[in-house]
């Protein structure tokens, strides 16, 4: 099975990290990018630390936004 593009610039490949979403052309998981920024790293620091492009980082956030938008959150009262 080959890589599947989940979002422009984000792919899943069973041969890379068990199919977790990664930035296309890297082994950097989307979750790592989001977690580092959420943890306080600047986008520039993440880009430089993991040798990413601005486009790759935007793709990670775009993919995350798409996933959140497709979720349904049920609130029980």
PDB file of N, CA and C in Angstrom:
ATOM      1  N   UNK A   1       0.839  -1.173   0.000  1.00  0.00           N
ATOM      2  CA  UNK A   1       0.000   0.000   0.000  1.00  0.00           C
ATOM      3  C   UNK A   1       0.893   1.249   0.000  1.00  0.00           C
ATOM      4  N   UNK A   2       0.499   2.247  -0.752  1.00  0.00           N
ATOM      5  CA  UNK A   2       1.280   3.467  -0.878  1.00  0.00           C
ATOM      6  C   UNK A   2       0.713   4.563   0.015  1.00  0.00           C
ATOM      7  N   UNK A   3       1.466   5.648   0.066  1.00  0.00           N
ATOM      8  CA  UNK A   3       1.041   6.810   0.846  1.00  0.00           C
ATOM      9  C   UNK A   3      -0.253   7.379   0.278  1.00  0.00           C
ATOM     10  N   UNK A   4      -1.097   7.861   1.176  1.00  0.00           N
ATOM     11  CA  UNK A   4      -2.354   8.500   0.815  1.00  0.00           C
ATOM     12  C   UNK A   4      -2.290   9.944   1.301  1.00  0.00           C
ATOM     13  N   UNK A   5      -2.592  10.881   0.401  1.00  0.00           N
ATOM     14  CA  UNK A   5      -2.606  12.283   0.808  1.00  0.00           C
ATOM     15  C   UNK A   5      -3.934  12.565   1.501  1.00  0.00           C
ATOM     16  N   UNK A   6      -3.853  12.882   2.791  1.00  0.00           N
ATOM     17  CA  UNK A   6      -5.034  13.146   3.609  1.00  0.00           C
ATOM     18  C   UNK A   6      -5.490  14.587   3.494  1.00  0.00           C
ATOM     19  N   UNK A   7      -4.551  15.446   3.188  1.00  0.00           N
ATOM     20  CA  UNK A   7      -4.760  16.892   3.080  1.00  0.00           C
ATOM     21  C   UNK A   7      -3.558  17.380   2.280  1.00  0.00           C
ATOM     22  N   UNK A   8      -3.681  18.448   1.517  1.00  0.00           N
ATOM     23  CA  UNK A   8      -2.508  18.899   0.757  1.00  0.00           C
ATOM     24  C   UNK A   8      -1.290  19.125   1.667  1.00  0.00           C
ATOM     25  N   UNK A   9      -0.275  18.293   1.473  1.00  0.00           N
ATOM     26  CA  UNK A   9       0.948  18.397   2.274  1.00  0.00           C
ATOM     27  C   UNK A   9       1.000  17.467   3.466  1.00  0.00           C
ATOM     28  N   UNK A  10      -0.050  16.670   3.684  1.00  0.00           N
ATOM     29  CA  UNK A  10      -0.096  15.700   4.787  1.00  0.00           C
ATOM     30  C   UNK A  10      -0.434  14.335   4.201  1.00  0.00           C
ATOM     31  N   UNK A  11       0.396  13.352   4.535  1.00  0.00           N
ATOM     32  CA  UNK A  11       0.199  12.006   4.003  1.00  0.00           C
ATOM     33  C   UNK A  11       0.188  10.977   5.128  1.00  0.00           C
ATOM     34  N   UNK A  12      -0.376   9.822   4.811  1.00  0.00           N
ATOM     35  CA  UNK A  12      -0.317   8.650   5.686  1.00  0.00           C
ATOM     36  C   UNK A  12       0.234   7.509   4.849  1.00  0.00           C
ATOM     37  N   UNK A  13       1.255   6.857   5.386  1.00  0.00           N
ATOM     38  CA  UNK A  13       1.904   5.737   4.705  1.00  0.00           C
ATOM     39  C   UNK A  13       2.136   4.651   5.746  1.00  0.00           C
ATOM     40  N   UNK A  14       1.619   3.449   5.524  1.00  0.00           N
ATOM     41  CA  UNK A  14       1.801   2.389   6.509  1.00  0.00           C
ATOM     42  C   UNK A  14       3.276   2.086   6.815  1.00  0.00           C
ATOM     43  N   UNK A  15       4.168   2.455   5.924  1.00  0.00           N
ATOM     44  CA  UNK A  15       5.599   2.213   6.122  1.00  0.00           C
ATOM     45  C   UNK A  15       6.270   3.304   6.959  1.00  0.00           C
ATOM     46  N   UNK A  16       5.547   4.392   7.230  1.00  0.00           N
ATOM     47  CA  UNK A  16       6.112   5.507   8.005  1.00  0.00           C
ATOM     48  C   UNK A  16       5.254   5.696   9.246  1.00  0.00           C
ATOM     49  N   UNK A  17       5.845   5.447  10.404  1.00  0.00           N
ATOM     50  CA  UNK A  17       5.177   5.625  11.700  1.00  0.00           C
ATOM     51  C   UNK A  17       3.825   4.921  11.777  1.00  0.00           C
ATOM     52  N   UNK A  18       3.744   3.764  11.150  1.00  0.00           N
ATOM     53  CA  UNK A  18       2.518   2.967  11.232  1.00  0.00           C
ATOM     54  C   UNK A  18       1.304   3.609  10.592  1.00  0.00           C
ATOM     55  N   UNK A  19       1.533   4.563   9.694  1.00  0.00           N
ATOM     56  CA  UNK A  19       0.419   5.188   8.989  1.00  0.00           C
ATOM     57  C   UNK A  19      -0.107   6.460   9.639  1.00  0.00           C
ATOM     58  N   UNK A  20       0.576   6.947  10.678  1.00  0.00           N
ATOM     59  CA  UNK A  20       0.139   8.213  11.295  1.00  0.00           C
ATOM     60  C   UNK A  20       0.316   9.347  10.290  1.00  0.00           C
ATOM     61  N   UNK A  21      -0.519  10.378  10.354  1.00  0.00           N
ATOM     62  CA  UNK A  21      -0.374  11.519   9.440  1.00  0.00           C
ATOM     63  C   UNK A  21       0.959  12.246   9.685  1.00  0.00           C
ATOM     64  N   UNK A  22       1.711  12.434   8.602  1.00  0.00           N
ATOM     65  CA  UNK A  22       2.998  13.125   8.661  1.00  0.00           C
ATOM     66  C   UNK A  22       3.039  14.222   7.608  1.00  0.00           C
ATOM     67  N   UNK A  23       3.957  15.161   7.800  1.00  0.00           N
ATOM     68  CA  UNK A  23       4.188  16.194   6.800  1.00  0.00           C
ATOM     69  C   UNK A  23       4.794  15.517   5.579  1.00  0.00           C
ATOM     70  N   UNK A  24       4.228  15.758   4.420  1.00  0.00           N
ATOM     71  CA  UNK A  24       4.671  15.118   3.178  1.00  0.00           C
ATOM     72  C   UNK A  24       6.170  15.316   2.978  1.00  0.00           C
ATOM     73  N   UNK A  25       6.862  14.237   2.633  1.00  0.00           N
ATOM     74  CA  UNK A  25       8.294  14.280   2.376  1.00  0.00           C
ATOM     75  C   UNK A  25       9.144  14.191   3.626  1.00  0.00           C
ATOM     76  N   UNK A  26       8.503  13.979   4.788  1.00  0.00           N
ATOM     77  CA  UNK A  26       9.233  13.872   6.053  1.00  0.00           C
ATOM     78  C   UNK A  26       8.694  12.687   6.845  1.00  0.00           C
ATOM     79  N   UNK A  27       9.281  12.481   8.009  1.00  0.00           N
ATOM     80  CA  UNK A  27       8.761  11.519   8.977  1.00  0.00           C
ATOM     81  C   UNK A  27       8.240  12.259  10.207  1.00  0.00           C
ATOM     82  N   UNK A  28       7.931  13.532  10.040  1.00  0.00           N
ATOM     83  CA  UNK A  28       7.477  14.376  11.155  1.00  0.00           C
ATOM     84  C   UNK A  28       5.954  14.286  11.261  1.00  0.00           C
ATOM     85  N   UNK A  29       5.454  13.737  12.378  1.00  0.00           N
ATOM     86  CA  UNK A  29       4.008  13.616  12.538  1.00  0.00           C
ATOM     87  C   UNK A  29       3.329  14.969  12.743  1.00  0.00           C
ATOM     88  N   UNK A  30       2.127  15.073  12.209  1.00  0.00           N
ATOM     89  CA  UNK A  30       1.311  16.272  12.414  1.00  0.00           C
ATOM     90  C   UNK A  30       1.145  16.516  13.911  1.00  0.00           C
ATOM     91  N   UNK A  31       0.914  15.465  14.676  1.00  0.00           N
ATOM     92  CA  UNK A  31       0.694  15.610  16.119  1.00  0.00           C
ATOM     93  C   UNK A  31       1.897  16.226  16.819  1.00  0.00           C
ATOM     94  N   UNK A  32       3.103  15.938  16.351  1.00  0.00           N
ATOM     95  CA  UNK A  32       4.296  16.519  16.953  1.00  0.00           C
ATOM     96  C   UNK A  32       4.328  18.025  16.721  1.00  0.00           C
ATOM     97  N   UNK A  33       4.043  18.444  15.500  1.00  0.00           N
ATOM     98  CA  UNK A  33       4.041  19.875  15.173  1.00  0.00           C
ATOM     99  C   UNK A  33       3.026  20.603  16.047  1.00  0.00           C
ATOM    100  N   UNK A  34       1.813  20.078  16.117  1.00  0.00           N
ATOM    101  CA  UNK A  34       0.762  20.716  16.912  1.00  0.00           C
ATOM    102  C   UNK A  34       1.127  20.731  18.389  1.00  0.00           C
ATOM    103  N   UNK A  35       1.643  19.628  18.884  1.00  0.00           N
ATOM    104  CA  UNK A  35       2.010  19.532  20.293  1.00  0.00           C
ATOM    105  C   UNK A  35       3.131  20.481  20.673  1.00  0.00           C
ATOM    106  N   UNK A  36       4.121  20.624  19.806  1.00  0.00           N
ATOM    107  CA  UNK A  36       5.234  21.537  20.101  1.00  0.00           C
ATOM    108  C   UNK A  36       4.757  22.983  20.166  1.00  0.00           C
ATOM    109  N   UNK A  37       3.906  23.383  19.224  1.00  0.00           N
ATOM    110  CA  UNK A  37       3.386  24.762  19.234  1.00  0.00           C
ATOM    111  C   UNK A  37       2.485  24.957  20.451  1.00  0.00           C
ATOM    112  N   UNK A  38       1.638  23.988  20.743  1.00  0.00           N
ATOM    113  CA  UNK A  38       0.764  24.083  21.913  1.00  0.00           C
ATOM    114  C   UNK A  38       1.576  24.146  23.203  1.00  0.00           C
ATOM    115  N   UNK A  39       2.732  23.507  23.200  1.00  0.00           N
ATOM    116  CA  UNK A  39       3.596  23.482  24.374  1.00  0.00           C
ATOM    117  C   UNK A  39       4.454  24.721  24.545  1.00  0.00           C
ATOM    118  N   UNK A  40       4.395  25.632  23.581  1.00  0.00           N
ATOM    119  CA  UNK A  40       5.111  26.890  23.747  1.00  0.00           C
ATOM    120  C   UNK A  40       6.206  27.189  22.734  1.00  0.00           C
ATOM    121  N   UNK A  41       6.569  26.224  21.897  1.00  0.00           N
ATOM    122  CA  UNK A  41       7.565  26.521  20.860  1.00  0.00           C
ATOM    123  C   UNK A  41       6.946  27.450  19.824  1.00  0.00           C
ATOM    124  N   UNK A  42       7.751  28.329  19.298  1.00  0.00           N
ATOM    125  CA  UNK A  42       7.254  29.176  18.216  1.00  0.00           C
ATOM    126  C   UNK A  42       7.226  28.359  16.922  1.00  0.00           C
ATOM    127  N   UNK A  43       6.449  28.826  15.988  1.00  0.00           N
ATOM    128  CA  UNK A  43       6.387  28.154  14.690  1.00  0.00           C
ATOM    129  C   UNK A  43       7.772  28.162  14.041  1.00  0.00           C
ATOM    130  N   UNK A  44       8.500  29.268  14.173  1.00  0.00           N
ATOM    131  CA  UNK A  44       9.857  29.332  13.621  1.00  0.00           C
ATOM    132  C   UNK A  44      10.768  28.297  14.270  1.00  0.00           C
ATOM    133  N   UNK A  45      10.644  28.107  15.582  1.00  0.00           N
ATOM    134  CA  UNK A  45      11.469  27.109  16.278  1.00  0.00           C
ATOM    135  C   UNK A  45      11.147  25.703  15.793  1.00  0.00           C
ATOM    136  N   UNK A  46       9.866  25.412  15.633  1.00  0.00           N
ATOM    137  CA  UNK A  46       9.461  24.085  15.149  1.00  0.00           C
ATOM    138  C   UNK A  46       9.984  23.877  13.734  1.00  0.00           C
ATOM    139  N   UNK A  47       9.815  24.887  12.889  1.00  0.00           N
ATOM    140  CA  UNK A  47      10.287  24.788  11.503  1.00  0.00           C
ATOM    141  C   UNK A  47      11.782  24.487  11.464  1.00  0.00           C
ATOM    142  N   UNK A  48      12.554  25.217  12.251  1.00  0.00           N
ATOM    143  CA  UNK A  48      14.005  25.049  12.233  1.00  0.00           C
ATOM    144  C   UNK A  48      14.457  23.747  12.890  1.00  0.00           C
ATOM    145  N   UNK A  49      13.820  23.377  13.987  1.00  0.00           N
ATOM    146  CA  UNK A  49      14.192  22.161  14.728  1.00  0.00           C
ATOM    147  C   UNK A  49      13.954  20.895  13.907  1.00  0.00           C
ATOM    148  N   UNK A  50      12.873  20.879  13.130  1.00  0.00           N
ATOM    149  CA  UNK A  50      12.492  19.672  12.391  1.00  0.00           C
ATOM    150  C   UNK A  50      12.665  19.810  10.879  1.00  0.00           C
ATOM    151  N   UNK A  51      13.349  20.864  10.459  1.00  0.00           N
ATOM    152  CA  UNK A  51      13.669  21.080   9.042  1.00  0.00           C
ATOM    153  C   UNK A  51      12.410  21.065   8.168  1.00  0.00           C
ATOM    154  N   UNK A  52      11.402  21.793   8.610  1.00  0.00           N
ATOM    155  CA  UNK A  52      10.149  21.880   7.873  1.00  0.00           C
ATOM    156  C   UNK A  52      10.082  23.189   7.101  1.00  0.00           C
ATOM    157  N   UNK A  53       9.152  23.251   6.190  1.00  0.00           N
ATOM    158  CA  UNK A  53       8.877  24.502   5.476  1.00  0.00           C
ATOM    159  C   UNK A  53       7.662  25.163   6.117  1.00  0.00           C
ATOM    160  N   UNK A  54       7.483  26.430   5.821  1.00  0.00           N
ATOM    161  CA  UNK A  54       6.277  27.110   6.297  1.00  0.00           C
ATOM    162  C   UNK A  54       5.039  26.396   5.757  1.00  0.00           C
ATOM    163  N   UNK A  55       5.109  25.944   4.511  1.00  0.00           N
ATOM    164  CA  UNK A  55       3.992  25.228   3.909  1.00  0.00           C
ATOM    165  C   UNK A  55       3.680  23.930   4.637  1.00  0.00           C
ATOM    166  N   UNK A  56       4.701  23.245   5.084  1.00  0.00           N
ATOM    167  CA  UNK A  56       4.493  22.003   5.833  1.00  0.00           C
ATOM    168  C   UNK A  56       3.790  22.253   7.152  1.00  0.00           C
ATOM    169  N   UNK A  57       4.183  23.326   7.814  1.00  0.00           N
ATOM    170  CA  UNK A  57       3.545  23.664   9.091  1.00  0.00           C
ATOM    171  C   UNK A  57       2.103  24.098   8.865  1.00  0.00           C
ATOM    172  N   UNK A  58       1.874  24.884   7.841  1.00  0.00           N
ATOM    173  CA  UNK A  58       0.491  25.284   7.512  1.00  0.00           C
ATOM    174  C   UNK A  58      -0.352  24.059   7.194  1.00  0.00           C
ATOM    175  N   UNK A  59       0.240  23.090   6.504  1.00  0.00           N
ATOM    176  CA  UNK A  59      -0.488  21.860   6.176  1.00  0.00           C
ATOM    177  C   UNK A  59      -0.898  21.118   7.448  1.00  0.00           C
ATOM    178  N   UNK A  60      -0.010  21.073   8.437  1.00  0.00           N
ATOM    179  CA  UNK A  60      -0.336  20.404   9.702  1.00  0.00           C
ATOM    180  C   UNK A  60      -1.530  21.069  10.365  1.00  0.00           C
ATOM    181  N   UNK A  61      -1.527  22.400  10.414  1.00  0.00           N
ATOM    182  CA  UNK A  61      -2.640  23.106  11.032  1.00  0.00           C
ATOM    183  C   UNK A  61      -3.915  22.991  10.200  1.00  0.00           C
ATOM    184  N   UNK A  62      -3.775  23.009   8.898  1.00  0.00           N
ATOM    185  CA  UNK A  62      -4.936  22.847   8.033  1.00  0.00           C
ATOM    186  C   UNK A  62      -5.569  21.482   8.192  1.00  0.00           C
ATOM    187  N   UNK A  63      -4.741  20.454   8.257  1.00  0.00           N
ATOM    188  CA  UNK A  63      -5.250  19.103   8.447  1.00  0.00           C
ATOM    189  C   UNK A  63      -5.964  18.990   9.794  1.00  0.00           C
ATOM    190  N   UNK A  64      -5.359  19.550  10.831  1.00  0.00           N
ATOM    191  CA  UNK A  64      -5.977  19.505  12.158  1.00  0.00           C
ATOM    192  C   UNK A  64      -7.321  20.229  12.154  1.00  0.00           C
ATOM    193  N   UNK A  65      -7.377  21.382  11.510  1.00  0.00           N
ATOM    194  CA  UNK A  65      -8.631  22.135  11.438  1.00  0.00           C
ATOM    195  C   UNK A  65      -9.698  21.328  10.700  1.00  0.00           C
ATOM    196  N   UNK A  66      -9.306  20.673   9.629  1.00  0.00           N
ATOM    197  CA  UNK A  66     -10.247  19.842   8.867  1.00  0.00           C
ATOM    198  C   UNK A  66     -10.784  18.713   9.739  1.00  0.00           C
ATOM    199  N   UNK A  67      -9.901  18.073  10.491  1.00  0.00           N
ATOM    200  CA  UNK A  67     -10.318  16.966  11.349  1.00  0.00           C
ATOM    201  C   UNK A  67     -11.265  17.438  12.449  1.00  0.00           C
ATOM    202  N   UNK A  68     -10.951  18.547  13.061  1.00  0.00           N
ATOM    203  CA  UNK A  68     -11.806  19.077  14.127  1.00  0.00           C
ATOM    204  C   UNK A  68     -13.161  19.474  13.562  1.00  0.00           C
ATOM    205  N   UNK A  69     -13.144  20.064  12.389  1.00  0.00           N
ATOM    206  CA  UNK A  69     -14.393  20.490  11.754  1.00  0.00           C
ATOM    207  C   UNK A  69     -15.288  19.300  11.428  1.00  0.00           C
ATOM    208  N   UNK A  70     -14.706  18.152  11.178  1.00  0.00           N
ATOM    209  CA  UNK A  70     -15.502  16.983  10.816  1.00  0.00           C
ATOM    210  C   UNK A  70     -15.991  16.207  12.032  1.00  0.00           C
ATOM    211  N   UNK A  71     -15.494  16.535  13.219  1.00  0.00           N
ATOM    212  CA  UNK A  71     -15.927  15.871  14.448  1.00  0.00           C
ATOM    213  C   UNK A  71     -17.266  16.411  14.915  1.00  0.00           C
ATOM    214  N   UNK A  72     -18.028  15.533  15.518  1.00  0.00           N
ATOM    215  CA  UNK A  72     -19.252  15.935  16.178  1.00  0.00           C
ATOM    216  C   UNK A  72     -19.034  15.742  17.669  1.00  0.00           C
ATOM    217  N   UNK A  73     -19.241  16.785  18.424  1.00  0.00           N
ATOM    218  CA  UNK A  73     -19.041  16.722  19.861  1.00  0.00           C
ATOM    219  C   UNK A  73     -20.411  16.701  20.523  1.00  0.00           C
ATOM    220  N   UNK A  74     -20.645  15.661  21.284  1.00  0.00           N
ATOM    221  CA  UNK A  74     -21.927  15.521  21.974  1.00  0.00           C
ATOM    222  C   UNK A  74     -21.757  15.975  23.416  1.00  0.00           C
ATOM    223  N   UNK A  75     -22.634  16.847  23.840  1.00  0.00           N
ATOM    224  CA  UNK A  75     -22.591  17.342  25.222  1.00  0.00           C
ATOM    225  C   UNK A  75     -23.852  16.838  25.911  1.00  0.00           C
ATOM    226  N   UNK A  76     -23.653  16.071  26.956  1.00  0.00           N
ATOM    227  CA  UNK A  76     -24.783  15.534  27.724  1.00  0.00           C
ATOM    228  C   UNK A  76     -25.008  16.436  28.936  1.00  0.00           C
ATOM    229  N   UNK A  77     -26.244  16.773  29.171  1.00  0.00           N
ATOM    230  CA  UNK A  77     -26.567  17.625  30.323  1.00  0.00           C
ATOM    231  C   UNK A  77     -27.406  16.845  31.291  1.00  0.00           C
TER     232      UNK A  77
END
